[in-house]
Amino acid sequence: MRRVKALAGLLAAVAAPAGANPAAIGEALALCIEVVEAESPAPLEAAGTPFLHDIAIPAPDRVAVFEAPAGIGFVTVFDAASLGGYDCALRLPYDNSSGAMRWEKLANGPVMALKGQGFTEAGGSPAAPKLARCTGETGPLFVTVEDDREAMAVSLTISNQAPVPGPCEE
């Protein structure tokens, strides 16, 4: 929880478009890191994040959806037990392409702030960065930012599953 407050405080100083909440994005990212490290939605539950619903998928996998801090979007937790992985994604919905660009620009600050938390750039683009933390108590973590045009949401995903090819492979 200390990491959540530190990252949220750091991001409160980031310039943001009108109506945006960079501290809430920072809080959601920090919670997602804790969720993936714990391989459990317990950090979201402990923070009082409202649970919205499960998405039905074949067992043993599970998808749970929570409201994001400050109501800025949704946090989706994917327990990919059948694949041995765990993902947590902040989904920021938008109405049009300018909304997508606004979220991408706003997400860039919180994502790049993770570089101070041991993450390094691992590809991507300025609008859709990718980061990796190859060492840590719980193993590697990966961050991606992408525009899901079908769902009309910008997704910031934390995962313990490496993209292919994996940035932590030697």
C-alpha atoms as a PDB file:
ATOM      1  CA  MET A   1       0.000   0.000   0.000  1.00  0.00           C
ATOM      2  CA  ARG A   2       2.986   2.282   0.603  1.00  0.00           C
ATOM      3  CA  ARG A   3       3.906   1.936  -3.080  1.00  0.00           C
ATOM      4  CA  VAL A   4       0.348   2.937  -4.046  1.00  0.00           C
ATOM      5  CA  LYS A   5       0.526   6.181  -2.072  1.00  0.00           C
ATOM      6  CA  ALA A   6       4.043   7.031  -3.285  1.00  0.00           C
ATOM      7  CA  LEU A   7       3.219   6.476  -6.952  1.00  0.00           C
ATOM      8  CA  ALA A   8      -0.122   8.282  -6.654  1.00  0.00           C
ATOM      9  CA  GLY A   9       1.617  11.252  -5.011  1.00  0.00           C
ATOM     10  CA  LEU A  10       4.292  11.381  -7.688  1.00  0.00           C
ATOM     11  CA  LEU A  11       1.673  11.337 -10.415  1.00  0.00           C
ATOM     12  CA  ALA A  12      -0.488  14.034  -8.858  1.00  0.00           C
ATOM     13  CA  ALA A  13       2.146  16.523 -10.013  1.00  0.00           C
ATOM     14  CA  VAL A  14       2.004  15.329 -13.658  1.00  0.00           C
ATOM     15  CA  ALA A  15       0.255  17.782 -15.992  1.00  0.00           C
ATOM     16  CA  ALA A  16      -3.031  16.327 -17.217  1.00  0.00           C
ATOM     17  CA  PRO A  17      -5.822  17.223 -19.615  1.00  0.00           C
ATOM     18  CA  ALA A  18      -8.921  18.818 -18.102  1.00  0.00           C
ATOM     19  CA  GLY A  19     -11.054  16.302 -16.225  1.00  0.00           C
ATOM     20  CA  ALA A  20      -8.329  13.647 -16.090  1.00  0.00           C
ATOM     21  CA  ASN A  21      -6.971  12.141 -12.900  1.00  0.00           C
ATOM     22  CA  PRO A  22      -3.318  11.065 -13.138  1.00  0.00           C
ATOM     23  CA  ALA A  23      -3.215  10.188  -9.423  1.00  0.00           C
ATOM     24  CA  ALA A  24      -6.032   7.660  -9.961  1.00  0.00           C
ATOM     25  CA  ILE A  25      -4.121   6.146 -12.896  1.00  0.00           C
ATOM     26  CA  GLY A  26      -1.025   5.894 -10.708  1.00  0.00           C
ATOM     27  CA  GLU A  27      -3.037   4.307  -7.894  1.00  0.00           C
ATOM     28  CA  ALA A  28      -4.596   1.767 -10.291  1.00  0.00           C
ATOM     29  CA  LEU A  29      -1.188   0.875 -11.789  1.00  0.00           C
ATOM     30  CA  ALA A  30       0.357   0.428  -8.342  1.00  0.00           C
ATOM     31  CA  LEU A  31      -2.580  -1.755  -7.277  1.00  0.00           C
ATOM     32  CA  CYS A  32      -2.219  -3.807 -10.470  1.00  0.00           C
ATOM     33  CA  ILE A  33       1.461  -4.384  -9.718  1.00  0.00           C
ATOM     34  CA  GLU A  34       0.498  -5.604  -6.234  1.00  0.00           C
ATOM     35  CA  VAL A  35      -2.255  -7.827  -7.699  1.00  0.00           C
ATOM     36  CA  VAL A  36       0.121  -9.488 -10.176  1.00  0.00           C
ATOM     37  CA  GLU A  37       2.864  -9.904  -7.562  1.00  0.00           C
ATOM     38  CA  ALA A  38       0.343 -11.517  -5.174  1.00  0.00           C
ATOM     39  CA  GLU A  39      -1.378 -13.423  -8.016  1.00  0.00           C
ATOM     40  CA  SER A  40      -4.605 -12.461  -6.292  1.00  0.00           C
ATOM     41  CA  PRO A  41      -7.184  -9.651  -6.429  1.00  0.00           C
ATOM     42  CA  ALA A  42      -6.722  -9.257  -2.645  1.00  0.00           C
ATOM     43  CA  PRO A  43      -4.859  -5.896  -2.930  1.00  0.00           C
ATOM     44  CA  LEU A  44      -7.842  -4.424  -4.827  1.00  0.00           C
ATOM     45  CA  GLU A  45     -10.245  -5.800  -2.227  1.00  0.00           C
ATOM     46  CA  ALA A  46      -8.074  -4.501   0.650  1.00  0.00           C
ATOM     47  CA  ALA A  47      -8.041  -1.034  -0.944  1.00  0.00           C
ATOM     48  CA  GLY A  48     -11.844  -1.050  -1.006  1.00  0.00           C
ATOM     49  CA  THR A  49     -12.029  -1.120  -4.802  1.00  0.00           C
ATOM     50  CA  PRO A  50     -15.617  -2.017  -5.751  1.00  0.00           C
ATOM     51  CA  PHE A  51     -15.998  -5.468  -7.326  1.00  0.00           C
ATOM     52  CA  LEU A  52     -18.363  -5.287 -10.309  1.00  0.00           C
ATOM     53  CA  HIS A  53     -18.632  -8.807 -11.764  1.00  0.00           C
ATOM     54  CA  ASP A  54     -16.892 -11.933 -12.991  1.00  0.00           C
ATOM     55  CA  ILE A  55     -16.656 -12.793 -16.679  1.00  0.00           C
ATOM     56  CA  ALA A  56     -17.502 -16.424 -17.359  1.00  0.00           C
ATOM     57  CA  ILE A  57     -14.575 -18.308 -18.897  1.00  0.00           C
ATOM     58  CA  PRO A  58     -13.548 -21.982 -18.658  1.00  0.00           C
ATOM     59  CA  ALA A  59     -12.065 -23.101 -15.316  1.00  0.00           C
ATOM     60  CA  PRO A  60      -9.453 -22.931 -13.878  1.00  0.00           C
ATOM     61  CA  ASP A  61      -9.029 -19.442 -15.383  1.00  0.00           C
ATOM     62  CA  ARG A  62     -10.923 -16.464 -13.924  1.00  0.00           C
ATOM     63  CA  VAL A  63     -11.639 -12.871 -14.954  1.00  0.00           C
ATOM     64  CA  ALA A  64     -12.891 -10.375 -12.374  1.00  0.00           C
ATOM     65  CA  VAL A  65     -13.821  -6.756 -13.082  1.00  0.00           C
ATOM     66  CA  PHE A  66     -13.476  -3.947 -10.526  1.00  0.00           C
ATOM     67  CA  GLU A  67     -14.213  -0.231 -10.715  1.00  0.00           C
ATOM     68  CA  ALA A  68     -11.001   1.773 -11.124  1.00  0.00           C
ATOM     69  CA  PRO A  69     -10.015   4.392  -8.524  1.00  0.00           C
ATOM     70  CA  ALA A  70     -11.994   7.632  -8.882  1.00  0.00           C
ATOM     71  CA  GLY A  71     -14.285   5.894 -11.397  1.00  0.00           C
ATOM     72  CA  ILE A  72     -11.887   6.580 -14.307  1.00  0.00           C
ATOM     73  CA  GLY A  73     -12.503   3.164 -15.884  1.00  0.00           C
ATOM     74  CA  PHE A  74     -12.239  -0.493 -14.984  1.00  0.00           C
ATOM     75  CA  VAL A  75      -9.595  -2.814 -13.573  1.00  0.00           C
ATOM     76  CA  THR A  76      -9.739  -6.300 -15.045  1.00  0.00           C
ATOM     77  CA  VAL A  77      -7.915  -9.141 -13.292  1.00  0.00           C
ATOM     78  CA  PHE A  78      -7.155 -12.227 -15.398  1.00  0.00           C
ATOM     79  CA  ASP A  79      -5.974 -15.329 -13.543  1.00  0.00           C
ATOM     80  CA  ALA A  80      -4.658 -17.420 -16.411  1.00  0.00           C
ATOM     81  CA  ALA A  81      -4.087 -20.499 -14.243  1.00  0.00           C
ATOM     82  CA  SER A  82      -4.101 -22.776 -17.296  1.00  0.00           C
ATOM     83  CA  LEU A  83      -1.174 -20.765 -18.713  1.00  0.00           C
ATOM     84  CA  GLY A  84       0.606 -20.112 -15.421  1.00  0.00           C
ATOM     85  CA  GLY A  85       0.191 -16.343 -15.675  1.00  0.00           C
ATOM     86  CA  TYR A  86      -1.567 -13.389 -14.092  1.00  0.00           C
ATOM     87  CA  ASP A  87      -2.614 -10.065 -15.651  1.00  0.00           C
ATOM     88  CA  CYS A  88      -4.160  -6.890 -14.304  1.00  0.00           C
ATOM     89  CA  ALA A  89      -5.330  -4.216 -16.728  1.00  0.00           C
ATOM     90  CA  LEU A  90      -6.586  -0.678 -16.225  1.00  0.00           C
ATOM     91  CA  ARG A  91      -9.045   0.033 -19.022  1.00  0.00           C
ATOM     92  CA  LEU A  92      -9.749   3.697 -19.768  1.00  0.00           C
ATOM     93  CA  PRO A  93     -12.830   4.012 -22.021  1.00  0.00           C
ATOM     94  CA  TYR A  94     -13.204   6.729 -24.627  1.00  0.00           C
ATOM     95  CA  ASP A  95     -15.837   8.010 -27.074  1.00  0.00           C
ATOM     96  CA  ASN A  96     -13.665   8.999 -30.060  1.00  0.00           C
ATOM     97  CA  SER A  97     -10.097   9.027 -31.358  1.00  0.00           C
ATOM     98  CA  SER A  98      -9.254  12.295 -29.592  1.00  0.00           C
ATOM     99  CA  GLY A  99     -10.317  10.627 -26.329  1.00  0.00           C
ATOM    100  CA  ALA A 100      -7.962   7.733 -27.086  1.00  0.00           C
ATOM    101  CA  MET A 101      -5.076  10.124 -27.712  1.00  0.00           C
ATOM    102  CA  ARG A 102      -5.856  11.989 -24.468  1.00  0.00           C
ATOM    103  CA  TRP A 103      -5.689   8.760 -22.440  1.00  0.00           C
ATOM    104  CA  GLU A 104      -2.511   7.643 -24.215  1.00  0.00           C
ATOM    105  CA  LYS A 105      -0.814  10.944 -23.424  1.00  0.00           C
ATOM    106  CA  LEU A 106      -2.037  10.875 -19.832  1.00  0.00           C
ATOM    107  CA  ALA A 107      -1.034   7.216 -19.348  1.00  0.00           C
ATOM    108  CA  ASN A 108       2.476   7.957 -20.597  1.00  0.00           C
ATOM    109  CA  GLY A 109       3.336   9.884 -17.397  1.00  0.00           C
ATOM    110  CA  PRO A 110       2.328   7.155 -14.925  1.00  0.00           C
ATOM    111  CA  VAL A 111       3.860   4.425 -17.059  1.00  0.00           C
ATOM    112  CA  MET A 112       7.153   6.296 -17.427  1.00  0.00           C
ATOM    113  CA  ALA A 113       7.114   6.969 -13.660  1.00  0.00           C
ATOM    114  CA  LEU A 114       7.507   3.200 -13.269  1.00  0.00           C
ATOM    115  CA  LYS A 115      11.059   3.606 -14.605  1.00  0.00           C
ATOM    116  CA  GLY A 116      11.857   4.953 -11.134  1.00  0.00           C
ATOM    117  CA  GLN A 117      10.464   1.685  -9.709  1.00  0.00           C
ATOM    118  CA  GLY A 118      12.963  -0.574 -11.496  1.00  0.00           C
ATOM    119  CA  PHE A 119      11.213  -0.878 -14.874  1.00  0.00           C
ATOM    120  CA  THR A 120      13.081  -0.264 -18.138  1.00  0.00           C
ATOM    121  CA  GLU A 121      11.822   0.453 -21.646  1.00  0.00           C
ATOM    122  CA  ALA A 122      11.253  -2.722 -23.634  1.00  0.00           C
ATOM    123  CA  GLY A 123       9.999  -1.534 -26.993  1.00  0.00           C
ATOM    124  CA  GLY A 124       6.692  -0.078 -28.001  1.00  0.00           C
ATOM    125  CA  SER A 125       6.242   3.479 -29.203  1.00  0.00           C
ATOM    126  CA  PRO A 126       5.845   6.906 -27.586  1.00  0.00           C
ATOM    127  CA  ALA A 127       2.039   6.493 -27.649  1.00  0.00           C
ATOM    128  CA  ALA A 128       2.130   2.833 -26.597  1.00  0.00           C
ATOM    129  CA  PRO A 129       5.207   2.168 -24.460  1.00  0.00           C
ATOM    130  CA  LYS A 130       6.262  -1.231 -23.157  1.00  0.00           C
ATOM    131  CA  LEU A 131       8.302  -1.687 -19.982  1.00  0.00           C
ATOM    132  CA  ALA A 132       9.842  -4.638 -18.193  1.00  0.00           C
ATOM    133  CA  ARG A 133      11.211  -5.299 -14.733  1.00  0.00           C
ATOM    134  CA  CYS A 134      13.323  -8.409 -15.122  1.00  0.00           C
ATOM    135  CA  THR A 135      14.245  -8.830 -11.473  1.00  0.00           C
ATOM    136  CA  GLY A 136      12.157  -8.671  -8.365  1.00  0.00           C
ATOM    137  CA  GLU A 137      10.993 -10.667  -5.382  1.00  0.00           C
ATOM    138  CA  THR A 138       8.148 -12.223  -7.369  1.00  0.00           C
ATOM    139  CA  GLY A 139       9.852 -12.500 -10.757  1.00  0.00           C
ATOM    140  CA  PRO A 140       9.636 -10.436 -13.928  1.00  0.00           C
ATOM    141  CA  LEU A 141       6.782  -8.000 -14.626  1.00  0.00           C
ATOM    142  CA  PHE A 142       5.778  -6.463 -17.933  1.00  0.00           C
ATOM    143  CA  VAL A 143       3.795  -3.309 -18.714  1.00  0.00           C
ATOM    144  CA  THR A 144       2.057  -2.551 -21.991  1.00  0.00           C
ATOM    145  CA  VAL A 145      -0.075   0.365 -23.118  1.00  0.00           C
ATOM    146  CA  GLU A 146      -2.337  -0.218 -26.083  1.00  0.00           C
ATOM    147  CA  ASP A 147      -5.400   1.238 -27.742  1.00  0.00           C
ATOM    148  CA  ASP A 148      -8.096  -1.436 -28.000  1.00  0.00           C
ATOM    149  CA  ARG A 149     -10.198   0.166 -30.715  1.00  0.00           C
ATOM    150  CA  GLU A 150     -12.739  -2.664 -30.678  1.00  0.00           C
ATOM    151  CA  ALA A 151     -13.466  -2.078 -26.977  1.00  0.00           C
ATOM    152  CA  MET A 152     -12.883   1.696 -27.323  1.00  0.00           C
ATOM    153  CA  ALA A 153     -10.518   1.749 -24.356  1.00  0.00           C
ATOM    154  CA  VAL A 154      -6.848   2.394 -23.734  1.00  0.00           C
ATOM    155  CA  SER A 155      -5.464  -0.511 -21.704  1.00  0.00           C
ATOM    156  CA  LEU A 156      -2.522  -0.362 -19.319  1.00  0.00           C
ATOM    157  CA  THR A 157      -1.651  -3.971 -18.541  1.00  0.00           C
ATOM    158  CA  ILE A 158       0.690  -5.399 -15.901  1.00  0.00           C
ATOM    159  CA  SER A 159       1.553  -9.069 -16.450  1.00  0.00           C
ATOM    160  CA  ASN A 160       3.912 -11.735 -15.228  1.00  0.00           C
ATOM    161  CA  GLN A 161       3.740 -13.343 -18.688  1.00  0.00           C
ATOM    162  CA  ALA A 162       6.496 -12.173 -21.026  1.00  0.00           C
ATOM    163  CA  PRO A 163       5.598 -10.956 -24.492  1.00  0.00           C
ATOM    164  CA  VAL A 164       7.203 -12.878 -27.326  1.00  0.00           C
ATOM    165  CA  PRO A 165      10.117 -12.443 -27.668  1.00  0.00           C
ATOM    166  CA  GLY A 166      10.603 -11.778 -23.968  1.00  0.00           C
ATOM    167  CA  PRO A 167      12.649  -8.690 -23.010  1.00  0.00           C
ATOM    168  CA  CYS A 168      14.108 -10.517 -19.991  1.00  0.00           C
ATOM    169  CA  GLU A 169      15.591 -13.396 -21.976  1.00  0.00           C
ATOM    170  CA  GLU A 170      19.344 -13.416 -22.149  1.00  0.00           C
END
